[in-house]
Structures are given as C-alpha cells and as structure tokens.
C-alpha cells in the first residue's frame, strides 16, 4: 500500500458507498455530510482507508475475525485453486476439502466427532437449537425443549439467536421472540455486588448454582440444553470465575442437559488454545464456531457434536423423519473448508497459539500498568489475545462510565491510527468495556502501539 489514489476513482467509490451500502451497526445520518470510511487494503495487522491512512487493527477486522492477519497469499491461492476445481456442491454430498478440514478440526477437539457446515455463527447456533428441539420431540414427547442462555452472552442476530441473547439493548425492538429460551444469571465476579446473595468467597460455584435454581424452577424435564460462551465476548469480555465450569458440568450431567458451547469468538486460537473451552476442562456436547475458522478469507461456520448426539439422529432408519432434516445452502461451498485448512496450518506452522499466550500475558500486564495510571480503568480481564478493560466513574462504586465517553476513547484511538473496540449498545447503561483482539501474529511493538494509543486517549478524554 503506497497511499496513492486516483482521486476521481476513489471519489466514485465513496459516492457509490454513500448511495447504496447499508453498513452494519451504523447510524447513516452522518454520512450525508461526511464520507463513510472504506477499507481498501490490509497487510499483516495494518489496514489502509480510502485516504491512504494506515491503521493498526486491534480488533481483527472489527469483530474478532482475522486471526492470522491480512494478505495471506497461501490461503488466497488455495481457495482460488479449489474454486476452479469445484466451487460448490450441496452439503447432501461431500467434498475433498470438507472431509479434510473436518478431520483436521476433530483432531483438535478430543471427544467430538461430527462437523456440520454452514455459513455464519448465527446459523451454527440455530442448527444447535434445532437439534435440541428435534431431540426433544424424538425422545421426550417435545417436553424437554427449553434452552437456557446466560445474561450478557450473545449467540447471533437471527430471531431465535436473539431469543437466546443476554444483551437487552441489542435485542430491543426485535421482539416478540421465540418461546422456550430462558435466561440464567451472568458470572461477572467484578459485578457480583449487583446480584442478591452473591458471596465474597466461592463466587464461581454460587454463580453456577444460580443456573440450577433456574432449572428447578422451570422443571428439569423441560430443559434440553444450556448454551454458553466459554469467555463472554460482546457482553464485556468476561472470564469465568474459579469453580464455575466444574459446577456447570455437574449440573448438566445431573439433569441430562446438553452443553452447547459457543466458540464463535473464542474458537481457533483466540485465547491461546484451539478452543476457549479447553482452558477449563469442559466436555461439551455441541460446539459452534465461525469467525476465526478461516480468518475471514471465506465464509464458513461449523456445528461440531459428539458421536452420542449424532447417533440420536440415525437410531431408526425405517423412520423417514429420523434424521436432521436441515440444509445450509452455503454450507456446501468448498472455499470455506479450504481456507480453514490453510488457516489452521498457518497457526501450527508459525506457532501462533504460543504467541497468543505469550503476547496475551504481555498485553494483560501492559493494560494493568495502564490501570495503575488511570483510575477510570476499573478492571482488566481476558484470555490470550482476547482482552477487555472496564471503565468506571470511580472504583469504589464501580459505576459504569457513560457509553458516549467510551466511544470517545475509541474515536481518539482511530484518529491516532489504532482501531480498538468497545461494548456497543448491548447492555443498557453498561456499554463501558474497551475490547481488544489483535491478530494472533501480534508482536510486543504492536501491543505497545495499541496500549500507547489508549493511554493518550484516556488522558485526553478523562484528564
């Protein structure tokens, strides 16, 4: 990228964007008087906009996706070659890259065995919900159909996924929602004081016990699954408290409840292991994934299950309804698994899991050092290169900083040429966490630049 553009050409692109593109998560009124930002090129961890300005991307494509960085010719070339050979055939048949990537993926997921391809995290979670519902009808007369989800967790943007969404502001104005989804309390120990009866000690076990209370209130014979993120993402980058996951699994086993782990953000290296759940000794029944699976080089998502779940859909071959009667059109694309193969190979060949662990520790230390300097940082938390800094008015009350001020930090960093994220109109009154998810290739110099930008922005906005 040399920053040189033909002004006539790029102005035409900008005007076409202004006239026709409906951007995600955006209020478009400002675009009537200012230009929308267009990202023209990316290399490594840097991207350039239409004016040639360079930005260090600390959120991997804006939404935790480009795990191995931009400009990977190895992935692009493999996808090109595969598209010429066979671009698509419906998932009712197999493909060579589909089989090869499934084998590669399952090798990283002991205890799991089956891969269902689709095209987005929302769709992958929908597939999991449908499996739970079909199992309920097959085995329990339709009664064991309820799906529990957690406050602050997010599982996608379709109506059913929003029904399982613990972010009230993100859900607002999209109801009525699908029946049979029931919320359980969050496990953010930093805000345990907001939960009636939360103890000072053994909070993780207590937080898991609140799930059991919901199950008992609903009736264990009505609850089919529990869907959780291993580390909550857009709800504030929440790592689980000690003892939480062991107790959650005990509860699921006790009441014969399927454990559905949503790895759409955490999956494929983001936390320093292949999957976030692997930090906590979790043995899931279902795992969903999307963003980092191919680092955005192709659209792909997967629902992975155990053989036990798979077998529930083939136990009576004489019954014409006894299989998972579902299809995902673009789950038949070969570009996704081809990109997934190369993406995973890059992570292995370049030892990026270890780099993520090492750089994650370094960035966590640097952000904590920043907290020593800026009292507005109430807590720093995260796992690997998946980190958050919650901003508060004062540390005693932990009152959240206004969302507008948080967005000023994001805007200031953007002006400095560093793209960071923040909880975005998700939790009413609590969109106060800065979010960081640099690519797994991040170096200390990259992290220093990110932290320095945040340091400067905090000083200018809060004094």
Protein backbone atom coordinates (compact mmCIF):
# COMPACT_ATOMS: atom_id res chain seq x y z
CA UNK A 1 0.00 0.00 0.00
CA UNK A 2 1.57 3.31 -1.06
CA UNK A 3 -1.33 5.58 -0.14
CA UNK A 4 -1.62 6.93 -3.68
CA UNK A 5 -5.06 7.03 -5.26
CA UNK A 6 -6.65 8.42 -8.37
CA UNK A 7 -8.97 10.94 -6.71
CA UNK A 8 -11.64 10.57 -9.37
CA UNK A 9 -11.75 6.81 -8.98
CA UNK A 10 -11.87 6.74 -5.19
CA UNK A 11 -14.45 9.53 -5.02
CA UNK A 12 -16.69 7.45 -7.27
CA UNK A 13 -16.35 4.51 -4.91
CA UNK A 14 -17.14 6.70 -1.91
CA UNK A 15 -20.25 8.08 -3.58
CA UNK A 16 -21.40 4.60 -4.60
CA UNK A 17 -20.98 3.52 -0.99
CA UNK A 18 -22.88 6.53 0.31
CA UNK A 19 -25.71 5.95 -2.17
CA UNK A 20 -26.12 2.20 -1.90
CA UNK A 21 -24.39 0.48 1.04
CA UNK A 22 -26.26 -0.22 4.26
CA UNK A 23 -23.41 -0.53 6.76
CA UNK A 24 -23.60 -2.80 9.78
CA UNK A 25 -24.06 -1.32 13.26
CA UNK A 26 -24.12 2.19 11.83
CA UNK A 27 -26.25 5.32 12.03
CA UNK A 28 -26.15 6.68 8.50
CA UNK A 29 -27.28 10.27 9.04
CA UNK A 30 -23.67 11.49 9.48
CA UNK A 31 -22.80 10.08 6.04
CA UNK A 32 -24.91 12.83 4.49
CA UNK A 33 -22.19 15.33 5.38
CA UNK A 34 -19.10 13.16 5.97
CA UNK A 35 -17.58 10.36 3.96
CA UNK A 36 -18.09 6.76 5.04
CA UNK A 37 -14.80 5.01 5.79
CA UNK A 38 -13.76 2.47 3.16
CA UNK A 39 -11.00 -0.01 3.96
CA UNK A 40 -9.01 -0.50 0.78
CA UNK A 41 -6.18 -2.85 1.68
CA UNK A 42 -4.74 -4.91 4.52
CA UNK A 43 -1.36 -6.44 5.28
CA UNK A 44 -0.38 -8.21 8.47
CA UNK A 45 -2.10 -6.23 11.21
CA UNK A 46 -2.40 -2.98 9.25
CA UNK A 47 -5.21 -1.69 7.07
CA UNK A 48 -5.44 1.42 4.88
CA UNK A 49 -8.51 3.52 4.20
CA UNK A 50 -9.52 5.42 1.06
CA UNK A 51 -7.36 8.38 2.05
CA UNK A 52 -4.30 6.20 2.38
CA UNK A 53 -4.23 6.45 6.17
CA UNK A 54 -2.68 3.47 7.90
CA UNK A 55 -4.38 1.89 10.92
CA UNK A 56 -3.18 -0.80 13.30
CA UNK A 57 -6.14 -3.15 13.64
CA UNK A 58 -6.54 -4.24 17.27
CA UNK A 59 -9.90 -5.95 16.69
CA UNK A 60 -9.03 -8.31 13.81
CA UNK A 61 -11.39 -6.95 11.20
CA UNK A 62 -13.65 -5.12 13.62
CA UNK A 63 -15.33 -8.24 15.01
CA UNK A 64 -12.65 -10.69 16.19
CA UNK A 65 -12.25 -12.48 12.85
CA UNK A 66 -8.92 -12.06 11.00
CA UNK A 67 -6.91 -14.24 13.38
CA UNK A 68 -3.88 -14.82 11.14
CA UNK A 69 -3.74 -11.30 9.73
CA UNK A 70 -4.29 -9.76 6.32
CA UNK A 71 -2.69 -10.58 2.98
CA UNK A 72 -2.18 -14.32 3.40
CA UNK A 73 -1.44 -15.43 -0.16
CA UNK A 74 -1.23 -19.04 0.99
CA UNK A 75 -4.93 -19.02 1.87
CA UNK A 76 -6.00 -16.99 -1.15
CA UNK A 77 -4.11 -19.23 -3.58
CA UNK A 78 -5.52 -22.41 -2.06
CA UNK A 79 -9.06 -21.04 -2.28
CA UNK A 80 -8.54 -19.94 -5.90
CA UNK A 81 -7.24 -23.37 -6.92
CA UNK A 82 -10.14 -25.13 -5.20
CA UNK A 83 -12.77 -22.86 -6.75
CA UNK A 84 -11.52 -23.72 -10.22
CA UNK A 85 -11.66 -27.43 -9.41
CA UNK A 86 -15.02 -27.43 -7.60
CA UNK A 87 -16.57 -24.33 -6.07
CA UNK A 88 -19.76 -25.86 -4.70
CA UNK A 89 -22.00 -28.82 -4.26
CA UNK A 90 -24.80 -29.03 -1.71
CA UNK A 91 -23.92 -30.48 1.67
CA UNK A 92 -26.04 -33.55 0.94
CA UNK A 93 -22.83 -34.78 -0.71
CA UNK A 94 -19.26 -34.49 0.48
CA UNK A 95 -16.21 -32.69 -0.88
CA UNK A 96 -12.48 -33.23 -0.56
CA UNK A 97 -11.76 -30.03 1.41
CA UNK A 98 -14.85 -30.63 3.53
CA UNK A 99 -13.62 -34.07 4.56
CA UNK A 100 -10.03 -32.97 5.05
CA UNK A 101 -10.88 -29.96 7.19
CA UNK A 102 -13.36 -31.92 9.30
CA UNK A 103 -10.66 -34.49 10.06
CA UNK A 104 -8.18 -31.70 10.87
CA UNK A 105 -10.67 -29.95 13.13
CA UNK A 106 -11.78 -33.05 15.03
CA UNK A 107 -8.12 -33.85 15.72
CA UNK A 108 -8.00 -30.65 17.80
CA UNK A 109 -11.22 -31.45 19.68
CA UNK A 110 -10.92 -34.67 21.72
CA UNK A 111 -14.33 -36.12 22.48
CA UNK A 112 -16.01 -34.51 19.47
CA UNK A 113 -16.58 -36.33 16.20
CA UNK A 114 -19.03 -34.75 13.73
CA UNK A 115 -18.92 -31.48 11.77
CA UNK A 116 -21.97 -29.77 10.26
CA UNK A 117 -21.01 -26.98 7.84
CA UNK A 118 -22.92 -23.72 7.46
CA UNK A 119 -22.04 -20.10 6.80
CA UNK A 120 -22.30 -17.94 9.94
CA UNK A 121 -22.12 -18.12 13.71
CA UNK A 122 -25.80 -17.25 13.98
CA UNK A 123 -26.68 -20.10 11.65
CA UNK A 124 -24.43 -22.56 13.50
CA UNK A 125 -26.18 -21.74 16.77
CA UNK A 126 -29.59 -22.06 15.09
CA UNK A 127 -28.61 -25.55 13.96
CA UNK A 128 -27.74 -26.46 17.53
CA UNK A 129 -31.07 -25.13 18.78
CA UNK A 130 -32.91 -27.12 16.11
CA UNK A 131 -31.09 -30.31 17.10
CA UNK A 132 -32.14 -29.80 20.72
CA UNK A 133 -35.74 -29.28 19.69
CA UNK A 134 -35.75 -32.32 17.41
CA UNK A 135 -34.23 -34.48 20.15
CA UNK A 136 -36.98 -33.24 22.49
CA UNK A 137 -39.65 -34.43 20.07
CA UNK A 138 -37.91 -37.72 19.28
CA UNK A 139 -37.22 -38.73 22.87
CA UNK A 140 -39.27 -36.64 25.28
CA UNK A 141 -42.59 -36.00 23.58
CA UNK A 142 -41.50 -32.45 22.85
CA UNK A 143 -41.30 -31.55 26.54
CA UNK A 144 -37.52 -31.24 27.10
CA UNK A 145 -37.22 -28.37 24.63
CA UNK A 146 -36.14 -25.34 26.66
CA UNK A 147 -32.73 -23.81 26.03
CA UNK A 148 -31.01 -21.85 28.77
CA UNK A 149 -28.74 -18.92 27.94
CA UNK A 150 -26.77 -16.51 30.10
CA UNK A 151 -27.17 -12.82 30.82
CA UNK A 152 -24.59 -10.80 28.82
CA UNK A 153 -23.85 -13.66 26.37
CA UNK A 154 -24.55 -13.22 22.66
CA UNK A 155 -25.24 -16.02 20.19
CA UNK A 156 -26.22 -14.33 16.95
CA UNK A 157 -28.51 -11.99 15.12
CA UNK A 158 -31.44 -14.12 13.92
CA UNK A 159 -34.68 -14.02 15.89
CA UNK A 160 -34.05 -17.39 17.56
CA UNK A 161 -30.47 -16.40 18.41
CA UNK A 162 -31.67 -13.09 19.81
CA UNK A 163 -34.17 -15.13 21.83
CA UNK A 164 -31.08 -16.72 23.36
CA UNK A 165 -29.34 -13.37 23.66
CA UNK A 166 -28.44 -11.90 27.02
CA UNK A 167 -27.92 -8.35 25.72
CA UNK A 168 -31.16 -6.43 26.14
CA UNK A 169 -30.13 -3.37 24.16
CA UNK A 170 -29.11 -5.47 21.19
CA UNK A 171 -32.44 -7.30 21.40
CA UNK A 172 -34.56 -4.16 21.75
CA UNK A 173 -37.31 -3.61 19.14
CA UNK A 174 -36.90 -7.08 17.60
CA UNK A 175 -39.49 -8.96 19.65
CA UNK A 176 -41.65 -10.88 20.10
CA UNK A 177 -39.09 -13.61 20.50
CA UNK A 178 -39.18 -17.38 20.16
CA UNK A 179 -40.65 -19.28 23.10
CA UNK A 180 -38.65 -21.74 25.14
CA UNK A 181 -35.49 -19.72 25.77
CA UNK A 182 -34.77 -18.97 29.43
CA UNK A 183 -32.11 -16.66 30.87
CA UNK A 184 -29.72 -17.55 33.69
CA UNK A 185 -27.57 -15.01 35.61
CA UNK A 186 -24.15 -13.85 34.46
CA UNK A 187 -20.88 -14.84 36.15
CA UNK A 188 -19.03 -11.49 36.14
CA UNK A 189 -17.39 -11.51 39.55
CA UNK A 190 -16.44 -7.83 39.22
CA UNK A 191 -20.18 -7.04 39.37
CA UNK A 192 -21.16 -9.74 41.85
CA UNK A 193 -22.25 -6.98 44.26
CA UNK A 194 -25.19 -6.31 41.92
CA UNK A 195 -26.51 -9.86 42.45
CA UNK A 196 -28.61 -10.56 45.54
CA UNK A 197 -26.95 -13.08 47.80
CA UNK A 198 -23.64 -13.28 45.94
CA UNK A 199 -20.87 -14.32 48.35
CA UNK A 200 -17.41 -12.86 48.80
CA UNK A 201 -15.88 -16.35 48.52
CA UNK A 202 -16.61 -19.24 46.14
CA UNK A 203 -18.50 -16.91 43.81
CA UNK A 204 -17.94 -19.19 40.80
CA UNK A 205 -19.74 -22.11 42.43
CA UNK A 206 -22.52 -19.78 43.61
CA UNK A 207 -22.93 -18.35 40.09
CA UNK A 208 -23.23 -21.86 38.65
CA UNK A 209 -25.73 -22.78 41.37
CA UNK A 210 -27.98 -19.98 40.12
CA UNK A 211 -28.29 -21.96 36.90
CA UNK A 212 -29.52 -24.95 38.87
CA UNK A 213 -32.12 -22.74 40.55
CA UNK A 214 -33.48 -21.76 37.14
CA UNK A 215 -33.56 -25.41 36.03
CA UNK A 216 -35.51 -26.41 39.12
CA UNK A 217 -37.93 -23.52 38.67
CA UNK A 218 -38.56 -24.42 35.02
CA UNK A 219 -38.63 -28.16 35.67
CA UNK A 220 -35.60 -30.31 34.77
CA UNK A 221 -37.79 -32.43 32.48
CA UNK A 222 -38.41 -29.34 30.31
CA UNK A 223 -34.78 -28.18 29.87
CA UNK A 224 -32.88 -29.65 26.91
CA UNK A 225 -29.71 -27.58 26.66
CA UNK A 226 -27.55 -24.87 28.18
CA UNK A 227 -25.81 -22.55 25.69
CA UNK A 228 -22.83 -20.56 26.98
CA UNK A 229 -19.75 -18.73 25.72
CA UNK A 230 -16.56 -20.03 27.40
CA UNK A 231 -15.43 -16.40 27.68
CA UNK A 232 -18.22 -13.88 27.19
CA UNK A 233 -17.33 -11.59 24.29
CA UNK A 234 -19.52 -8.59 23.46
CA UNK A 235 -21.08 -8.65 26.92
CA UNK A 236 -17.88 -7.34 28.46
CA UNK A 237 -15.04 -9.87 27.87
CA UNK A 238 -15.87 -11.96 30.94
CA UNK A 239 -13.59 -14.79 32.00
CA UNK A 240 -15.27 -17.40 34.21
CA UNK A 241 -14.62 -17.38 37.97
CA UNK A 242 -12.86 -20.27 39.67
CA UNK A 243 -15.03 -23.32 40.17
CA UNK A 244 -17.71 -22.17 37.75
CA UNK A 245 -17.26 -24.60 34.89
CA UNK A 246 -16.78 -27.69 37.06
CA UNK A 247 -20.07 -26.96 38.78
CA UNK A 248 -21.86 -26.15 35.49
CA UNK A 249 -20.90 -29.55 34.12
CA UNK A 250 -22.07 -31.31 37.27
CA UNK A 251 -25.44 -29.62 36.91
CA UNK A 252 -25.80 -30.52 33.22
CA UNK A 253 -24.96 -34.15 33.90
CA UNK A 254 -27.32 -34.31 36.89
CA UNK A 255 -30.32 -33.15 34.85
CA UNK A 256 -29.45 -34.71 31.47
CA UNK A 257 -28.96 -31.32 29.82
CA UNK A 258 -26.87 -30.92 26.66
CA UNK A 259 -23.99 -28.45 26.99
CA UNK A 260 -23.72 -26.21 23.92
CA UNK A 261 -20.51 -24.14 23.87
CA UNK A 262 -20.50 -21.08 21.60
CA UNK A 263 -16.91 -20.62 20.32
CA UNK A 264 -17.79 -18.17 17.54
CA UNK A 265 -15.36 -15.63 19.02
CA UNK A 266 -13.04 -17.78 21.14
CA UNK A 267 -12.51 -20.57 18.63
CA UNK A 268 -9.39 -21.39 16.60
CA UNK A 269 -6.68 -19.80 18.67
CA UNK A 270 -8.09 -16.55 20.02
CA UNK A 271 -7.50 -17.44 23.68
CA UNK A 272 -4.20 -19.32 23.21
CA UNK A 273 -5.73 -22.79 22.88
CA UNK A 274 -7.54 -24.14 19.84
CA UNK A 275 -10.83 -23.54 21.64
CA UNK A 276 -11.64 -21.47 24.68
CA UNK A 277 -13.47 -24.28 26.45
CA UNK A 278 -10.23 -26.28 26.53
CA UNK A 279 -8.83 -23.98 29.24
CA UNK A 280 -11.48 -25.13 31.67
CA UNK A 281 -11.75 -28.89 31.28
CA UNK A 282 -15.15 -28.64 29.62
CA UNK A 283 -16.57 -31.68 27.83
CA UNK A 284 -19.26 -30.22 25.55
CA UNK A 285 -21.98 -31.98 23.62
CA UNK A 286 -22.05 -29.29 20.91
CA UNK A 287 -19.54 -26.62 19.87
CA UNK A 288 -20.27 -23.82 17.42
CA UNK A 289 -17.63 -21.72 15.67
CA UNK A 290 -17.29 -19.21 12.86
CA UNK A 291 -15.18 -16.02 12.84
CA UNK A 292 -11.60 -17.30 13.22
CA UNK A 293 -12.23 -20.61 11.47
CA UNK A 294 -10.96 -19.16 8.18
CA UNK A 295 -9.85 -15.72 9.42
CA UNK A 296 -12.40 -14.09 7.13
CA UNK A 297 -10.84 -15.40 3.91
CA UNK A 298 -14.06 -17.29 3.20
CA UNK A 299 -17.45 -17.59 4.85
CA UNK A 300 -17.64 -20.70 7.00
CA UNK A 301 -19.16 -21.82 10.28
CA UNK A 302 -19.37 -25.21 11.93
CA UNK A 303 -21.50 -27.01 14.45
CA UNK A 304 -19.46 -29.84 15.94
CA UNK A 305 -21.07 -32.57 18.05
CA UNK A 306 -20.19 -35.74 19.88
CA UNK A 307 -20.96 -39.10 18.35
CA UNK A 308 -23.64 -39.56 21.02
CA UNK A 309 -25.56 -36.54 19.71
CA UNK A 310 -25.04 -37.66 16.11
CA UNK A 311 -26.37 -41.13 16.87
CA UNK A 312 -29.66 -39.71 18.12
CA UNK A 313 -30.50 -38.86 14.51
CA UNK A 314 -29.96 -42.29 12.99
CA UNK A 315 -31.25 -44.76 15.57
CA UNK A 316 -34.28 -45.77 13.48
CA UNK A 317 -33.54 -45.85 9.75
CA UNK A 318 -37.09 -47.01 8.99
CA UNK A 319 -38.50 -43.69 10.24
CA UNK A 320 -38.44 -41.12 7.38
CA UNK A 321 -38.33 -38.29 9.95
CA UNK A 322 -35.45 -39.75 11.94
CA UNK A 323 -32.55 -37.62 10.70
CA UNK A 324 -31.56 -33.97 10.96
CA UNK A 325 -33.81 -32.55 8.26
CA UNK A 326 -31.83 -29.40 7.69
CA UNK A 327 -29.67 -27.85 5.00
CA UNK A 328 -27.44 -24.79 4.73
CA UNK A 329 -27.05 -23.73 1.11
CA UNK A 330 -23.66 -22.15 1.52
CA UNK A 331 -22.50 -24.93 3.81
CA UNK A 332 -21.78 -26.67 0.52
CA UNK A 333 -19.16 -24.11 -0.55
CA UNK A 334 -15.66 -25.52 -0.80
CA UNK A 335 -13.89 -22.18 -0.24
CA UNK A 336 -14.63 -22.23 3.50
CA UNK A 337 -13.05 -25.55 4.46
CA UNK A 338 -10.17 -24.92 2.05
CA UNK A 339 -9.44 -21.61 3.79
CA UNK A 340 -9.92 -23.33 7.15
CA UNK A 341 -7.26 -25.92 6.34
CA UNK A 342 -4.68 -23.28 5.43
CA UNK A 343 -5.67 -21.03 8.33
CA UNK A 344 -5.17 -23.84 10.84
CA UNK A 345 -1.91 -24.88 9.18
CA UNK A 346 -0.58 -21.33 9.47
CA UNK A 347 -1.42 -21.28 13.18
CA UNK A 348 0.51 -24.53 13.62
CA UNK A 349 3.45 -23.70 11.33
CA UNK A 350 4.01 -20.28 12.91
CA UNK A 351 3.38 -21.45 16.49
CA UNK A 352 0.67 -18.83 16.89
CA UNK A 353 -1.02 -20.49 19.85
CA UNK A 354 2.13 -19.95 21.87
CA UNK A 355 2.50 -16.43 20.53
CA UNK A 356 -1.09 -15.72 21.53
CA UNK A 357 -0.40 -16.96 25.06
CA UNK A 358 2.85 -15.00 25.37
CA UNK A 359 1.55 -11.78 23.84
CA UNK A 360 -1.69 -12.14 25.76
CA UNK A 361 0.22 -12.19 29.05
CA UNK A 362 2.28 -9.22 27.90
CA UNK A 363 -0.75 -7.18 26.85
CA UNK A 364 -2.60 -8.03 30.06
CA UNK A 365 0.40 -6.77 32.06
CA UNK A 366 0.61 -3.59 29.98
CA UNK A 367 -3.10 -2.88 30.38
CA UNK A 368 -2.83 -3.45 34.13
CA UNK A 369 0.06 -0.99 34.20
CA UNK A 370 -2.23 1.43 32.39
CA UNK A 371 -4.83 0.85 35.12
CA UNK A 372 -2.25 1.93 37.69
CA UNK A 373 -2.03 5.24 35.84
CA UNK A 374 -5.71 5.79 35.00
CA UNK A 375 -8.23 5.33 37.82
CA UNK A 376 -11.02 5.17 35.23
CA UNK A 377 -9.95 1.59 34.44
CA UNK A 378 -11.86 -0.49 36.95
CA UNK A 379 -10.73 -3.93 35.84
CA UNK A 380 -8.65 -5.53 33.09
CA UNK A 381 -9.61 -9.11 32.15
CA UNK A 382 -9.39 -11.64 29.36
CA UNK A 383 -7.64 -14.70 28.00
CA UNK A 384 -4.93 -14.82 25.33
CA UNK A 385 -5.34 -12.03 22.79
CA UNK A 386 -8.94 -11.51 23.82
CA UNK A 387 -8.93 -8.73 26.42
CA UNK A 388 -11.14 -6.05 27.89
CA UNK A 389 -10.79 -3.01 30.15
CA UNK A 390 -13.93 -1.96 32.01
CA UNK A 391 -14.16 1.80 32.58
CA UNK A 392 -15.84 3.14 35.72
CA UNK A 393 -16.58 6.56 37.19
CA UNK A 394 -14.86 5.54 40.41
CA UNK A 395 -13.50 2.28 41.71
CA UNK A 396 -15.48 2.33 44.94
CA UNK A 397 -18.95 2.40 43.40
CA UNK A 398 -17.90 0.79 40.10
CA UNK A 399 -20.49 2.97 38.38
CA UNK A 400 -20.07 2.48 34.63
CA UNK A 401 -18.64 5.32 32.56
CA UNK A 402 -21.15 6.74 30.07
CA UNK A 403 -21.13 4.99 26.68
CA UNK A 404 -20.50 8.30 24.92
CA UNK A 405 -17.21 8.73 26.76
CA UNK A 406 -16.18 5.16 25.95
CA UNK A 407 -16.86 5.86 22.28
CA UNK A 408 -14.72 9.00 22.54
CA UNK A 409 -11.82 6.74 23.54
CA UNK A 410 -12.47 4.55 20.51
CA UNK A 411 -12.65 7.62 18.28
CA UNK A 412 -9.48 9.14 19.68
CA UNK A 413 -7.58 5.90 19.06
CA UNK A 414 -8.94 5.84 15.50
CA UNK A 415 -7.57 9.33 14.95
CA UNK A 416 -4.21 8.03 16.15
CA UNK A 417 -4.40 5.21 13.61
CA UNK A 418 -5.29 2.41 16.04
CA UNK A 419 -8.63 0.58 15.76
CA UNK A 420 -9.98 -0.71 19.08
CA UNK A 421 -13.46 -1.87 20.04
CA UNK A 422 -15.97 -1.39 22.84
CA UNK A 423 -19.19 -2.98 24.04
CA UNK A 424 -21.59 -1.49 21.56
CA UNK A 425 -25.20 -0.67 22.50
CA UNK A 426 -25.56 -4.13 24.00
CA UNK A 427 -26.19 -3.69 27.72
CA UNK A 428 -28.35 -0.76 28.84
CA UNK A 429 -26.16 1.57 30.89
CA UNK A 430 -23.23 -0.85 30.86
CA UNK A 431 -21.55 -0.44 27.49
CA UNK A 432 -18.36 0.56 29.27
CA UNK A 433 -15.73 -2.03 28.32
CA UNK A 434 -12.94 -1.41 25.83
CA UNK A 435 -12.33 -4.55 23.74
CA UNK A 436 -9.05 -5.76 22.24
CA UNK A 437 -8.50 -8.72 19.95
CA UNK A 438 -5.39 -8.17 17.83
CA UNK A 439 -4.41 -10.88 15.37
CA UNK A 440 -2.56 -13.91 16.72
CA UNK A 441 0.56 -12.64 14.94
CA UNK A 442 0.80 -9.58 17.23
CA UNK A 443 4.26 -8.53 18.46
CA UNK A 444 5.30 -6.52 21.50
CA UNK A 445 5.74 -3.48 19.26
CA UNK A 446 2.15 -3.85 18.03
CA UNK A 447 0.86 -4.15 21.59
CA UNK A 448 2.93 -1.19 22.73
CA UNK A 449 1.37 0.91 19.98
CA UNK A 450 -2.15 -0.17 20.99
CA UNK A 451 -1.58 0.49 24.69
CA UNK A 452 0.10 3.83 23.98
CA UNK A 453 -2.89 4.95 21.90
CA UNK A 454 -5.30 4.01 24.69
CA UNK A 455 -3.09 5.78 27.23
CA UNK A 456 -3.18 9.01 25.22
CA UNK A 457 -6.91 8.76 24.61
CA UNK A 458 -7.71 8.18 28.28
CA UNK A 459 -5.62 11.21 29.21
CA UNK A 460 -7.39 13.45 26.72
CA UNK A 461 -10.92 12.27 27.47
CA UNK A 462 -10.70 11.88 31.27
CA UNK A 463 -7.77 14.14 32.14
